[in-house]
Protein backbone atom coordinates (compact mmCIF):
# COMPACT_ATOMS: atom_id res chain seq x y z
CA MET A 1 0.00 0.00 0.00
CA ASP A 2 1.44 3.41 -0.91
CA ASP A 3 1.83 6.28 1.56
CA GLU A 4 -1.08 8.36 0.29
CA GLU A 5 -3.45 5.40 0.54
CA LEU A 6 -2.28 4.72 4.09
CA LEU A 7 -2.86 8.37 4.97
CA GLN A 8 -6.38 8.24 3.53
CA ARG A 9 -7.12 5.07 5.49
CA PHE A 10 -5.86 6.75 8.65
CA LEU A 11 -8.15 9.74 8.00
CA VAL A 12 -11.17 7.43 8.03
CA GLY A 13 -10.10 5.89 11.33
CA ASP A 14 -7.63 3.10 10.49
CA ARG A 15 -4.99 3.35 13.25
CA ASP A 16 -2.99 0.48 11.77
CA ALA A 17 -2.45 2.58 8.63
CA PHE A 18 -0.82 5.31 10.71
CA ARG A 19 1.23 2.71 12.59
CA THR A 20 2.50 1.43 9.23
CA LEU A 21 3.58 4.94 8.21
CA VAL A 22 5.44 5.35 11.50
CA GLN A 23 7.21 2.00 11.05
CA ARG A 24 8.10 2.93 7.49
CA TYR A 25 9.60 6.37 8.20
CA HIS A 26 10.46 6.88 11.87
CA THR A 27 14.10 5.79 11.60
CA VAL A 28 14.70 8.08 8.64
CA LEU A 29 13.03 10.98 10.44
CA VAL A 30 15.43 10.54 13.35
CA GLN A 31 18.36 10.49 10.92
CA VAL A 32 17.22 13.69 9.24
CA ALA A 33 16.61 15.39 12.58
CA ARG A 34 20.02 14.23 13.83
CA TYR A 35 21.66 16.36 11.17
CA TYR A 36 20.28 19.52 12.80
CA VAL A 37 20.42 18.69 16.51
CA ASN A 38 23.18 17.71 18.90
CA SER A 39 21.92 14.40 20.26
CA VAL A 40 20.01 11.29 19.32
CA ALA A 41 17.57 11.95 22.17
CA THR A 42 16.71 15.38 20.75
CA ALA A 43 16.38 13.87 17.26
CA GLU A 44 13.92 11.32 18.68
CA ASP A 45 11.94 14.19 20.23
CA VAL A 46 11.86 16.01 16.90
CA ALA A 47 10.65 12.85 15.16
CA GLN A 48 7.89 12.44 17.76
CA ASP A 49 6.89 16.09 17.29
CA THR A 50 6.79 15.45 13.56
CA TRP A 51 4.36 12.55 14.00
CA ILE A 52 2.17 14.72 16.24
CA ALA A 53 2.18 17.39 13.51
CA VAL A 54 1.16 14.75 10.96
CA LEU A 55 -1.68 13.61 13.23
CA LYS A 56 -2.90 17.19 13.60
CA GLY A 57 -2.37 18.21 9.98
CA ALA A 58 -3.20 15.06 8.00
CA GLU A 59 -6.54 16.48 6.91
CA ARG A 60 -4.76 19.46 5.36
CA PHE A 61 -2.39 17.34 3.25
CA GLU A 62 -3.21 18.46 -0.29
CA GLY A 63 -1.07 16.04 -2.25
CA ARG A 64 0.86 18.73 -4.13
CA ALA A 65 4.00 16.81 -3.17
CA SER A 66 4.33 13.18 -2.18
CA PHE A 67 3.55 12.25 1.40
CA LYS A 68 7.23 11.41 1.91
CA THR A 69 8.35 14.85 0.75
CA TRP A 70 5.70 16.53 2.93
CA LEU A 71 6.79 14.44 5.93
CA PHE A 72 10.49 15.20 5.40
CA ARG A 73 9.74 18.93 5.12
CA ILE A 74 7.93 18.82 8.44
CA VAL A 75 10.81 17.06 10.20
CA ALA A 76 13.42 19.34 8.64
CA ASN A 77 11.50 22.47 9.66
CA ARG A 78 10.98 21.19 13.20
CA ALA A 79 14.60 20.12 13.52
CA ARG A 80 15.82 23.50 12.26
CA SER A 81 13.75 25.35 14.83
CA THR A 82 14.79 22.93 17.60
CA GLY A 83 18.48 22.74 16.82
CA THR A 84 21.03 24.55 14.79
CA ARG A 85 19.92 27.42 12.57
CA GLU A 86 23.25 28.13 11.01
CA LYS A 87 23.77 27.25 7.40
CA ARG A 88 26.12 24.32 7.11
CA GLN A 89 28.92 24.16 4.65
CA ILE A 90 30.77 20.89 4.36
CA PRO A 91 34.38 21.38 3.31
CA VAL A 92 35.98 18.77 1.11
CA ASP A 93 38.88 17.18 2.95
CA PRO A 94 41.63 16.49 0.40
CA THR A 95 43.51 14.40 2.98
CA ASP A 96 40.68 11.86 3.22
CA PRO A 97 42.26 8.55 2.14
CA VAL A 98 39.21 7.44 0.16
CA ALA A 99 38.94 10.73 -1.72
CA GLY A 100 42.69 11.00 -2.29
CA ASP A 101 43.00 7.50 -3.74
CA ARG A 102 39.99 7.67 -6.01
CA PHE A 103 39.41 11.30 -7.07
CA ASN A 104 41.48 14.01 -8.69
CA VAL A 105 41.48 17.64 -7.57
CA GLU A 106 38.39 18.36 -9.70
CA GLY A 107 36.48 15.62 -7.87
CA MET A 108 36.44 13.25 -10.86
CA TRP A 109 37.31 9.55 -10.71
CA LYS A 110 41.02 8.92 -11.35
CA GLU A 111 40.03 5.54 -12.80
CA PRO A 112 36.44 4.51 -13.46
CA PRO A 113 35.41 1.98 -10.79
CA PRO A 114 34.28 -1.52 -11.74
CA SER A 115 30.51 -1.87 -12.02
CA PHE A 116 28.60 -3.22 -9.05
CA ALA A 117 27.11 -5.86 -11.34
CA ASP A 118 30.59 -7.30 -11.88
CA LEU A 119 31.31 -7.22 -8.16
CA LEU A 120 28.03 -8.95 -7.34
CA ALA A 121 28.12 -11.70 -9.97
CA ASP A 122 28.11 -14.29 -7.18
CA THR A 123 24.53 -14.29 -5.86
CA GLU A 124 25.60 -15.89 -2.57
CA ALA A 125 27.72 -12.82 -1.86
CA ASN A 126 24.77 -10.46 -2.43
CA ALA A 127 23.39 -10.80 1.12
CA GLU A 128 26.83 -10.22 2.60
CA VAL A 129 27.37 -7.17 0.39
CA ALA A 130 23.93 -5.77 1.27
CA ALA A 131 24.75 -6.14 4.95
CA ALA A 132 28.11 -4.44 4.37
CA VAL A 133 26.39 -1.55 2.58
CA ARG A 134 23.96 -1.11 5.49
CA ASP A 135 26.90 -1.12 7.91
CA ALA A 136 28.85 1.33 5.73
CA ILE A 137 25.90 3.73 5.66
CA ALA A 138 25.44 3.43 9.43
CA ASN A 139 29.11 4.29 9.98
CA LEU A 140 29.18 7.38 7.75
CA PRO A 141 29.46 10.82 9.37
CA ASP A 142 26.01 12.31 10.14
CA ILE A 143 25.82 14.58 7.11
CA GLN A 144 26.94 11.89 4.66
CA ARG A 145 24.54 9.35 6.20
CA SER A 146 21.64 11.82 5.95
CA VAL A 147 22.38 12.75 2.33
CA VAL A 148 22.91 9.18 1.08
CA THR A 149 19.85 7.92 2.99
CA LEU A 150 17.56 10.61 1.60
CA ARG A 151 18.98 10.49 -1.94
CA ASP A 152 19.80 6.82 -2.56
CA VAL A 153 17.64 4.95 -0.05
CA GLU A 154 14.53 7.14 0.04
CA GLY A 155 14.82 8.32 -3.58
CA LEU A 156 14.55 12.08 -3.11
CA SER A 157 16.08 14.31 -5.76
CA THR A 158 19.30 16.20 -5.09
CA SER A 159 17.37 19.47 -4.94
CA GLU A 160 14.91 18.03 -2.41
CA VAL A 161 17.77 16.75 -0.23
CA ALA A 162 19.53 20.11 -0.46
CA LEU A 163 16.35 21.93 0.57
CA LEU A 164 15.64 19.58 3.47
CA LEU A 165 19.18 19.74 4.85
CA ASP A 166 19.67 23.45 4.10
CA LEU A 167 22.68 22.82 1.84
CA SER A 168 23.47 24.10 -1.60
CA GLU A 169 22.86 21.60 -4.39
CA ALA A 170 26.57 21.64 -5.25
CA ASN A 171 27.48 20.87 -1.65
CA THR A 172 24.88 18.10 -1.53
CA ARG A 173 26.43 16.51 -4.63
CA VAL A 174 29.92 16.68 -3.05
CA VAL A 175 28.70 15.06 0.17
CA LEU A 176 26.81 12.38 -1.77
CA HIS A 177 29.84 11.69 -3.95
CA ARG A 178 32.04 11.18 -0.87
CA ALA A 179 29.47 8.97 0.88
CA ARG A 180 29.09 6.80 -2.19
CA ALA A 181 32.88 6.48 -2.43
CA HIS A 182 33.08 5.19 1.14
CA ILE A 183 30.25 2.74 0.49
CA ARG A 184 31.86 1.58 -2.77
CA GLU A 185 35.14 0.97 -0.95
CA THR A 186 33.28 -1.26 1.53
CA VAL A 187 31.54 -3.19 -1.27
CA GLU A 188 34.82 -3.74 -3.07
CA ARG A 189 36.51 -5.03 0.10
CA VAL A 190 33.65 -7.45 0.78
CA ALA A 191 33.55 -8.60 -2.84
CA LYS A 192 37.27 -9.38 -2.66
CA GLY A 193 36.79 -11.24 0.62
CA ASP A 194 38.54 -8.60 2.74
CA ARG A 195 36.93 -7.32 5.90
C-alpha cells in the first residue's frame, strides 16, 4: 500500500495505517533530525513532534507533493527550529584517504570503478554485500549518512535533499559523492573477501 493510501485510510479511522507509516519512516526521520540537533535523544523528540504534527495536519495534506516529501519537510522544519539554525557548509577534505586515492582535484574519478554488477556476480555474496552496505551507511558521518539515505535509499532528488538539509545543491552533490565512495570501498573489500 502506498503512503497516500495509508494516509487516507488513517483519516477514516484506520490506526494500523498510521502505525504502518510510523514504522516505514520513523528511523529516517530521526536520521534527518540528527543532522540539525546535537543528540540522538533530541532527534527522537523532533521525530515524535513530527508525527504529532502529521496527526494534527493530516486532513490538510493536499497532495501537491508526495507524502514522503511533505513528511520530510515537516521534520526538517521542526529540527531546524529545535536545533542549529546556522547554514552548514561541508568542506571537502583532500587528505581523506578514500577521496585521495579515487578522485582528482576536480572531484572526478582517477580511474572509473568496476561496475557493481561485476562485483556482485556471485549471488551468494549479495546478502553479505547488502549487509556491508547497510553497515557502511550506518558508519558514515552524520551529514553523509543523511544525504545518502535521503537520496539513494529514500529516492529524493538532489534538490529536495539540499532543501531539506539546508545545503546548496553543489554541496549536496559533493557530500553524496564522498558517501558513495566510502560505500563503494566497503563493497569492493567485501567482494574481494577482505573485511
